[in-house]
N, C-alpha and C. Protein backbone atom coordinates (compact mmCIF):
# COMPACT_ATOMS: atom_id res chain seq x y z
N MET A 1 0.81 -1.15 -0.41
CA MET A 1 -0.13 0.15 -0.30
C MET A 1 1.39 1.02 -0.23
N ILE A 2 0.73 2.47 -0.68
CA ILE A 2 1.30 3.71 -1.02
C ILE A 2 0.05 4.36 -1.05
N THR A 3 0.48 5.66 0.30
CA THR A 3 -0.28 6.33 0.86
C THR A 3 0.64 7.85 1.34
N ALA A 4 0.11 8.45 1.32
CA ALA A 4 0.29 10.14 1.77
C ALA A 4 -0.11 9.64 3.62
N LYS A 5 -0.70 9.00 4.10
CA LYS A 5 -1.48 9.24 5.05
C LYS A 5 -0.12 8.05 6.10
N SER A 6 0.03 9.07 7.30
CA SER A 6 1.52 8.37 7.69
C SER A 6 1.38 8.37 9.23
N ALA A 7 -0.07 8.36 9.70
CA ALA A 7 -0.09 8.63 11.24
C ALA A 7 -0.32 6.73 11.75
N GLU A 8 0.03 6.73 12.89
CA GLU A 8 0.01 4.76 13.42
C GLU A 8 -1.13 4.10 13.04
N TYR A 9 -2.46 5.19 13.14
CA TYR A 9 -3.61 4.07 13.32
C TYR A 9 -3.99 4.28 11.56
N ASP A 10 -3.36 4.65 10.76
CA ASP A 10 -3.86 4.68 9.53
C ASP A 10 -3.32 2.97 8.97
N LYS A 11 -2.05 3.43 9.52
CA LYS A 11 -0.99 1.93 9.22
C LYS A 11 -1.54 0.54 9.48
N VAL A 12 -2.08 0.55 10.59
CA VAL A 12 -2.74 -0.54 11.34
C VAL A 12 -3.73 -0.47 10.50
N ILE A 13 -4.44 0.52 9.90
CA ILE A 13 -5.80 -0.24 9.62
C ILE A 13 -5.55 -0.55 8.14
N GLY A 14 -4.45 -0.17 7.52
CA GLY A 14 -4.21 -0.42 5.99
C GLY A 14 -3.49 -2.12 6.32
N LEU A 15 -2.68 -2.27 7.26
CA LEU A 15 -2.40 -3.59 7.31
C LEU A 15 -2.96 -4.63 7.85
N ASP A 16 -3.61 -4.27 8.85
CA ASP A 16 -4.91 -5.01 9.22
C ASP A 16 -5.77 -5.40 8.10
N SER A 17 -6.18 -4.59 7.44
CA SER A 17 -7.42 -4.91 6.01
C SER A 17 -6.14 -6.00 4.76
N GLY A 18 -5.03 -6.14 4.91
CA GLY A 18 -4.66 -7.36 4.45
C GLY A 18 -3.65 -6.37 3.75
N ALA A 19 -3.25 -5.42 3.96
CA ALA A 19 -2.18 -4.99 3.30
C ALA A 19 -0.59 -5.75 3.53
N ASP A 20 -0.13 -6.09 3.09
CA ASP A 20 1.22 -6.97 3.12
C ASP A 20 2.45 -6.16 3.15
N ASP A 21 2.42 -4.65 3.22
CA ASP A 21 3.34 -3.76 3.40
C ASP A 21 2.77 -2.36 3.53
N TYR A 22 3.01 -1.33 3.88
CA TYR A 22 2.43 -0.18 4.20
C TYR A 22 3.95 1.14 4.03
N ILE A 23 3.85 2.02 3.00
CA ILE A 23 4.63 2.70 2.54
C ILE A 23 4.02 4.19 2.51
N THR A 24 4.52 5.08 2.84
CA THR A 24 4.16 6.81 2.94
C THR A 24 4.82 7.62 2.25
N LYS A 25 4.24 8.40 1.20
CA LYS A 25 5.19 9.47 0.85
C LYS A 25 5.61 10.46 1.17
N PRO A 26 6.80 10.58 1.09
CA PRO A 26 7.57 10.37 0.08
C PRO A 26 8.38 9.08 0.34
N PHE A 27 8.75 8.75 -0.34
CA PHE A 27 9.18 7.29 -0.53
C PHE A 27 10.51 7.61 -1.69
N GLY A 28 11.66 6.94 -1.21
CA GLY A 28 12.91 6.63 -2.28
C GLY A 28 12.19 4.95 -2.90
N ILE A 29 12.76 5.52 -4.14
CA ILE A 29 12.63 4.63 -5.39
C ILE A 29 13.48 2.90 -4.76
N LEU A 30 14.85 3.11 -4.48
CA LEU A 30 15.57 1.88 -3.71
C LEU A 30 14.85 1.23 -2.78
N GLU A 31 14.14 2.22 -2.11
CA GLU A 31 12.98 1.52 -0.49
C GLU A 31 12.33 0.77 -1.10
N PHE A 32 11.74 1.29 -2.28
CA PHE A 32 10.43 0.83 -2.74
C PHE A 32 10.49 -0.57 -3.81
N LEU A 33 11.55 -0.63 -4.53
CA LEU A 33 12.13 -1.67 -5.21
C LEU A 33 12.61 -2.76 -3.98
N SER A 34 12.89 -2.64 -3.06
CA SER A 34 13.67 -3.14 -2.02
C SER A 34 12.23 -4.00 -1.02
N ARG A 35 11.80 -3.02 -0.95
CA ARG A 35 10.25 -3.60 -0.09
C ARG A 35 9.41 -4.52 -1.16
N VAL A 36 9.16 -4.39 -2.62
CA VAL A 36 8.40 -5.26 -3.58
C VAL A 36 9.56 -6.90 -3.55
N ARG A 37 10.82 -6.68 -3.81
CA ARG A 37 11.58 -7.73 -3.38
C ARG A 37 11.32 -8.58 -2.23
N ALA A 38 10.95 -7.68 -1.15
CA ALA A 38 10.92 -8.58 -0.03
C ALA A 38 9.40 -9.14 0.34
N VAL A 39 8.27 -8.68 -0.53
CA VAL A 39 7.00 -9.38 -0.66
C VAL A 39 7.21 -10.69 -1.12
N LEU A 40 7.59 -10.46 -2.76
CA LEU A 40 7.98 -11.54 -3.62
C LEU A 40 8.63 -12.21 -2.73
N ARG A 41 9.50 -12.43 -2.22
CA ARG A 41 10.31 -13.43 -1.45
C ARG A 41 9.79 -14.17 -0.33
N ARG A 42 9.02 -13.42 0.20
CA ARG A 42 7.84 -14.19 1.35
C ARG A 42 6.88 -14.85 0.68
N SER A 43 6.41 -14.33 -0.55
CA SER A 43 5.13 -15.15 -1.20
C SER A 43 5.75 -16.39 -2.10
N ALA A 44 7.12 -16.56 -2.74
CA ALA A 44 7.81 -17.59 -3.15
C ALA A 44 7.86 -18.73 -2.35
N ASN A 45 8.62 -18.21 -0.96
CA ASN A 45 8.80 -18.69 0.07
C ASN A 45 7.64 -19.68 1.19
N ALA A 46 6.05 -19.15 0.96
CA ALA A 46 5.15 -19.73 1.38
C ALA A 46 5.18 -21.00 1.07
N ASP A 47 4.15 -22.17 1.96
CA ASP A 47 3.85 -23.13 1.91
C ASP A 47 2.87 -23.36 0.82
N THR A 48 3.52 -24.06 -0.33
CA THR A 48 2.92 -24.17 -1.62
C THR A 48 2.76 -25.72 -2.14
N SER A 49 2.43 -26.32 -0.78
CA SER A 49 2.57 -27.93 -0.94
C SER A 49 1.60 -28.32 -1.79
N SER A 50 2.17 -28.89 -2.21
CA SER A 50 0.82 -29.90 -3.77
C SER A 50 0.83 -30.88 -3.19
N GLU A 51 0.84 -31.59 -1.95
CA GLU A 51 0.62 -33.05 -1.40
C GLU A 51 -0.66 -32.25 -0.13
N LEU A 52 -1.96 -32.74 -0.67
CA LEU A 52 -2.92 -32.85 0.96
C LEU A 52 -3.53 -34.38 0.62
N SER A 53 -3.57 -34.64 2.34
CA SER A 53 -3.70 -35.52 2.48
C SER A 53 -4.67 -35.76 3.71
N ALA A 54 -5.48 -36.79 3.95
CA ALA A 54 -6.11 -37.07 4.76
C ALA A 54 -6.69 -38.83 5.26
N GLY A 55 -6.92 -39.57 6.20
CA GLY A 55 -6.62 -40.96 6.55
C GLY A 55 -6.38 -41.71 4.97
N ARG A 56 -6.89 -42.28 4.06
CA ARG A 56 -6.48 -43.32 3.10
C ARG A 56 -6.35 -42.65 1.98
N LEU A 57 -6.48 -41.07 1.93
CA LEU A 57 -6.71 -40.15 0.68
C LEU A 57 -5.23 -39.60 0.52
N THR A 58 -4.87 -39.03 -0.76
CA THR A 58 -4.27 -38.46 -0.98
C THR A 58 -3.99 -37.75 -1.86
N MET A 59 -4.25 -35.96 -2.08
CA MET A 59 -4.37 -35.36 -3.26
C MET A 59 -3.00 -34.67 -3.99
N TYR A 60 -2.36 -34.65 -5.31
CA TYR A 60 -1.56 -33.78 -6.13
C TYR A 60 -2.46 -33.22 -6.64
N VAL A 61 -1.99 -32.10 -5.80
CA VAL A 61 -2.80 -30.40 -6.84
C VAL A 61 -1.99 -30.34 -7.79
N ASP A 62 -0.59 -30.36 -7.93
CA ASP A 62 0.00 -29.87 -9.08
C ASP A 62 -0.19 -30.96 -10.53
N ARG A 63 -0.44 -32.14 -10.13
CA ARG A 63 -0.77 -33.11 -10.98
C ARG A 63 -2.24 -33.34 -11.18
N HIS A 64 -2.92 -33.23 -10.50
CA HIS A 64 -4.63 -32.32 -10.47
C HIS A 64 -4.90 -34.47 -10.49
N SER A 65 -4.32 -35.03 -9.62
CA SER A 65 -4.79 -36.63 -9.46
C SER A 65 -4.87 -36.99 -7.92
N VAL A 66 -5.80 -37.83 -7.86
CA VAL A 66 -6.34 -38.67 -6.44
C VAL A 66 -5.74 -39.85 -6.12
N LEU A 67 -5.50 -40.01 -4.80
CA LEU A 67 -5.22 -41.58 -4.61
C LEU A 67 -6.23 -41.84 -3.52
N ALA A 68 -7.15 -43.19 -3.78
CA ALA A 68 -7.67 -43.52 -2.54
C ALA A 68 -7.45 -44.80 -2.32
N ASP A 69 -6.59 -44.99 -1.43
CA ASP A 69 -6.54 -46.81 -1.09
C ASP A 69 -5.11 -47.01 -1.89
N GLY A 70 -4.46 -45.72 -2.36
CA GLY A 70 -3.65 -46.21 -3.36
C GLY A 70 -3.90 -46.65 -4.68
N LYS A 71 -5.17 -46.06 -5.16
CA LYS A 71 -5.86 -46.50 -6.04
C LYS A 71 -6.15 -45.04 -6.93
N GLU A 72 -5.92 -44.58 -8.09
CA GLU A 72 -6.19 -43.33 -8.77
C GLU A 72 -7.70 -43.03 -8.93
N VAL A 73 -7.99 -42.07 -8.80
CA VAL A 73 -9.43 -41.43 -9.16
C VAL A 73 -9.53 -40.61 -9.54
N THR A 74 -10.37 -41.03 -10.35
CA THR A 74 -10.91 -39.58 -11.42
C THR A 74 -12.28 -39.12 -11.34
N LEU A 75 -11.50 -37.60 -11.00
CA LEU A 75 -12.65 -36.83 -10.50
C LEU A 75 -13.36 -35.40 -11.64
N THR A 76 -14.03 -34.77 -11.61
CA THR A 76 -14.18 -33.98 -11.96
C THR A 76 -13.57 -32.77 -11.85
N LEU A 77 -13.75 -31.86 -12.68
CA LEU A 77 -13.09 -30.45 -12.16
C LEU A 77 -13.97 -29.85 -10.66
N LYS A 78 -14.87 -29.76 -10.41
CA LYS A 78 -15.70 -29.46 -9.47
C LYS A 78 -15.37 -30.61 -7.88
N GLU A 79 -15.68 -31.93 -8.46
CA GLU A 79 -15.20 -32.57 -7.46
C GLU A 79 -13.83 -32.60 -6.96
N PHE A 80 -12.67 -32.49 -7.68
CA PHE A 80 -11.63 -31.68 -7.61
C PHE A 80 -11.34 -30.74 -6.85
N GLU A 81 -11.91 -29.46 -7.26
CA GLU A 81 -11.86 -28.33 -6.60
C GLU A 81 -12.70 -28.41 -5.22
N LEU A 82 -13.67 -29.28 -4.90
CA LEU A 82 -14.32 -29.59 -3.40
C LEU A 82 -13.47 -30.20 -2.67
N LEU A 83 -12.97 -31.48 -3.05
CA LEU A 83 -12.50 -31.73 -2.29
C LEU A 83 -11.18 -31.48 -1.84
N LYS A 84 -10.01 -30.60 -2.74
CA LYS A 84 -9.16 -29.71 -2.57
C LYS A 84 -9.30 -28.84 -1.32
N TYR A 85 -10.71 -28.37 -1.20
CA TYR A 85 -11.12 -27.18 -0.71
C TYR A 85 -11.45 -27.85 0.98
N LEU A 86 -12.18 -28.39 0.85
CA LEU A 86 -11.75 -29.82 2.18
C LEU A 86 -10.45 -30.10 2.59
N LEU A 87 -9.72 -30.43 2.14
CA LEU A 87 -8.60 -30.74 2.90
C LEU A 87 -7.50 -29.86 2.91
N GLU A 88 -8.09 -28.70 2.41
CA GLU A 88 -7.15 -27.27 2.88
C GLU A 88 -7.34 -26.62 4.17
N ASN A 89 -8.80 -27.49 4.56
CA ASN A 89 -9.99 -26.77 5.32
C ASN A 89 -10.02 -28.42 6.83
N THR A 90 -8.64 -28.53 6.93
CA THR A 90 -8.90 -30.02 7.32
C THR A 90 -9.25 -29.36 8.99
N GLY A 91 -10.50 -30.26 9.63
CA GLY A 91 -10.61 -29.82 11.06
C GLY A 91 -11.58 -29.01 11.02
N ILE A 92 -12.08 -28.25 9.81
CA ILE A 92 -12.90 -26.82 9.88
C ILE A 92 -14.43 -27.52 8.92
N VAL A 93 -15.31 -27.21 10.34
CA VAL A 93 -16.61 -27.46 9.23
C VAL A 93 -16.87 -26.23 8.49
N LEU A 94 -16.86 -26.64 6.94
CA LEU A 94 -17.49 -25.66 6.16
C LEU A 94 -18.68 -25.86 5.55
N THR A 95 -19.95 -24.58 6.02
CA THR A 95 -21.29 -24.31 5.66
C THR A 95 -21.52 -24.62 3.85
N ARG A 96 -22.29 -24.94 3.95
CA ARG A 96 -22.83 -25.21 2.20
C ARG A 96 -22.69 -23.81 1.43
N ASP A 97 -23.20 -23.30 2.08
CA ASP A 97 -22.48 -21.71 1.64
C ASP A 97 -21.32 -20.82 1.59
N LYS A 98 -20.22 -21.59 2.24
CA LYS A 98 -18.83 -21.24 1.95
C LYS A 98 -18.73 -21.82 1.08
N ILE A 99 -19.11 -23.06 1.03
CA ILE A 99 -18.31 -23.94 -0.29
C ILE A 99 -19.00 -23.65 -1.44
N LEU A 100 -20.03 -23.19 -1.26
CA LEU A 100 -20.54 -22.69 -3.13
C LEU A 100 -19.54 -21.20 -3.42
N GLU A 101 -19.97 -20.93 -2.02
CA GLU A 101 -18.69 -19.38 -2.75
C GLU A 101 -17.53 -19.78 -3.05
N LYS A 102 -16.70 -20.36 -2.34
CA LYS A 102 -15.27 -20.69 -2.51
C LYS A 102 -15.11 -21.56 -3.95
N VAL A 103 -16.27 -23.17 -3.70
CA VAL A 103 -15.88 -23.62 -5.14
C VAL A 103 -16.98 -23.47 -6.69
N TRP A 104 -17.92 -22.85 -6.35
CA TRP A 104 -18.86 -22.65 -7.75
C TRP A 104 -19.03 -20.83 -7.68
N GLY A 105 -17.96 -20.05 -6.83
CA GLY A 105 -17.80 -18.43 -6.98
C GLY A 105 -19.43 -17.97 -6.81
N TYR A 106 -18.74 -16.66 -6.28
CA TYR A 106 -19.85 -15.68 -5.71
C TYR A 106 -21.09 -15.47 -6.53
N GLU A 107 -21.12 -15.43 -7.71
CA GLU A 107 -21.86 -15.45 -8.30
C GLU A 107 -22.93 -16.76 -8.82
N TYR A 108 -22.98 -17.78 -7.93
CA TYR A 108 -23.42 -19.21 -8.34
C TYR A 108 -25.13 -19.16 -7.58
N GLU A 109 -26.22 -19.20 -8.45
CA GLU A 109 -26.84 -18.87 -7.82
C GLU A 109 -27.69 -20.23 -7.52
N GLY A 110 -27.55 -21.24 -7.47
CA GLY A 110 -28.08 -22.63 -7.73
C GLY A 110 -28.53 -23.07 -6.15
N GLU A 111 -28.84 -24.53 -6.03
CA GLU A 111 -29.47 -24.94 -4.63
C GLU A 111 -28.16 -25.19 -3.85
N THR A 112 -28.20 -24.96 -2.61
CA THR A 112 -27.40 -25.72 -1.93
C THR A 112 -27.28 -27.19 -1.79
N ARG A 113 -28.32 -27.63 -2.60
CA ARG A 113 -28.04 -29.49 -2.56
C ARG A 113 -27.15 -29.46 -3.31
N THR A 114 -26.81 -28.73 -4.43
CA THR A 114 -25.61 -29.01 -5.69
C THR A 114 -24.41 -29.76 -4.54
N VAL A 115 -24.51 -28.83 -3.42
CA VAL A 115 -23.02 -29.80 -2.64
C VAL A 115 -23.30 -30.70 -2.17
N ASP A 116 -24.50 -30.98 -1.47
CA ASP A 116 -25.02 -32.50 -1.23
C ASP A 116 -24.56 -33.12 -2.20
N VAL A 117 -25.02 -33.18 -3.48
CA VAL A 117 -25.01 -33.82 -4.70
C VAL A 117 -23.57 -34.31 -5.16
N HIS A 118 -23.04 -33.38 -4.84
CA HIS A 118 -21.57 -33.42 -5.19
C HIS A 118 -20.67 -33.98 -3.78
N ILE A 119 -20.99 -34.32 -2.77
CA ILE A 119 -20.12 -34.83 -1.84
C ILE A 119 -20.55 -36.06 -2.03
N ARG A 120 -21.86 -36.30 -2.38
CA ARG A 120 -22.37 -37.95 -2.85
C ARG A 120 -22.17 -38.77 -3.60
N THR A 121 -21.43 -37.68 -4.62
CA THR A 121 -20.69 -38.35 -5.91
C THR A 121 -19.23 -39.13 -5.67
N LEU A 122 -18.43 -37.70 -4.88
CA LEU A 122 -17.30 -37.85 -4.46
C LEU A 122 -17.14 -38.79 -3.55
N ARG A 123 -17.66 -39.48 -2.43
CA ARG A 123 -17.91 -40.30 -1.25
C ARG A 123 -18.15 -41.36 -2.05
N GLN A 124 -18.55 -41.62 -3.45
CA GLN A 124 -19.04 -42.81 -4.08
C GLN A 124 -17.71 -43.43 -4.67
N LYS A 125 -17.08 -42.08 -5.70
CA LYS A 125 -15.79 -42.40 -6.56
C LYS A 125 -14.57 -42.47 -5.16
N LEU A 126 -14.72 -42.26 -4.13
CA LEU A 126 -13.22 -42.56 -3.34
C LEU A 126 -13.86 -43.83 -2.71
N GLY A 127 -14.61 -44.60 -2.62
CA GLY A 127 -15.12 -45.47 -2.01
C GLY A 127 -14.55 -45.37 -0.08
N GLU A 128 -13.92 -46.75 0.39
CA GLU A 128 -13.99 -46.85 1.59
C GLU A 128 -13.00 -45.49 1.97
N ALA A 129 -12.20 -44.67 1.06
CA ALA A 129 -11.40 -43.40 1.82
C ALA A 129 -12.49 -42.41 1.59
N GLY A 130 -13.82 -42.33 1.16
CA GLY A 130 -14.88 -41.38 1.61
C GLY A 130 -15.20 -41.17 2.61
N SER A 131 -14.62 -41.85 3.51
CA SER A 131 -15.45 -41.82 4.60
C SER A 131 -14.86 -40.96 5.64
N VAL A 132 -13.55 -40.36 4.97
CA VAL A 132 -13.26 -39.55 5.57
C VAL A 132 -14.01 -37.86 5.50
N ILE A 133 -14.81 -37.82 4.91
CA ILE A 133 -15.46 -36.76 4.98
C ILE A 133 -16.83 -37.00 5.91
N GLU A 134 -16.70 -35.75 6.80
CA GLU A 134 -17.64 -36.00 7.37
C GLU A 134 -19.20 -35.28 7.32
N THR A 135 -20.08 -35.37 7.80
CA THR A 135 -21.41 -34.84 7.41
C THR A 135 -21.35 -34.11 8.96
N VAL A 136 -21.33 -32.89 8.92
CA VAL A 136 -21.89 -32.14 9.98
C VAL A 136 -23.56 -31.38 9.82
N ARG A 137 -24.39 -32.31 10.56
CA ARG A 137 -26.03 -31.92 10.43
C ARG A 137 -26.11 -30.88 10.77
N GLY A 138 -27.26 -29.91 9.73
CA GLY A 138 -27.47 -28.74 9.95
C GLY A 138 -26.45 -28.11 9.28
N VAL A 139 -25.27 -28.36 9.33
CA VAL A 139 -24.18 -26.82 9.14
C VAL A 139 -23.83 -27.22 7.70
N GLY A 140 -22.62 -28.28 7.67
CA GLY A 140 -22.03 -28.48 6.50
C GLY A 140 -21.57 -30.09 6.56
N TYR A 141 -20.00 -29.86 5.71
CA TYR A 141 -19.20 -30.51 6.12
C TYR A 141 -17.77 -30.57 6.42
N ARG A 142 -16.78 -31.44 6.39
CA ARG A 142 -15.54 -31.20 6.78
C ARG A 142 -14.79 -32.83 7.11
N ILE A 143 -13.60 -32.38 6.78
CA ILE A 143 -12.79 -33.43 6.83
C ILE A 143 -11.61 -33.34 8.22
N GLY A 144 -11.56 -34.39 8.90
CA GLY A 144 -10.85 -34.79 9.62
C GLY A 144 -11.42 -33.95 11.18
N GLY A 145 -12.29 -33.97 11.35
CA GLY A 145 -12.80 -33.52 12.56
C GLY A 145 -12.84 -33.60 14.13
N ASN A 146 -12.35 -35.06 13.87
CA ASN A 146 -11.82 -35.91 14.91
C ASN A 146 -10.72 -35.95 15.70
N THR A 147 -9.76 -35.21 14.75
CA THR A 147 -7.88 -35.48 14.84
C THR A 147 -7.64 -34.25 15.90
């Protein structure tokens, strides 16, 4: 964030709102470039694990493949994105609305039952390993709630 506002309160608001850095005017170009490089280093070093797993289920995000009990499972794009979202949020109960927002996008105007249908199909395709997807009645779904 680059701004003329230099009060501590403004800096706190900016950083708490999601800014990676807060630079006040005037600033030197060398300092600016150094700060950009620092943010790029931090983002490059972020955990970009391409492998997610739970129980007998392993997802290789970069290869776009899923193994259930050691056997490759073919998933549609939405099934893959749904499973990925659940695995990325292991232990967290995700509401149907939250899943719709993340996997189908903000503009999705369908029924929340779409999530239920996709979960059911996903469990069937994953076989025994699909039992890792838990239903939280009246709320939504999670993976690894008892861990």
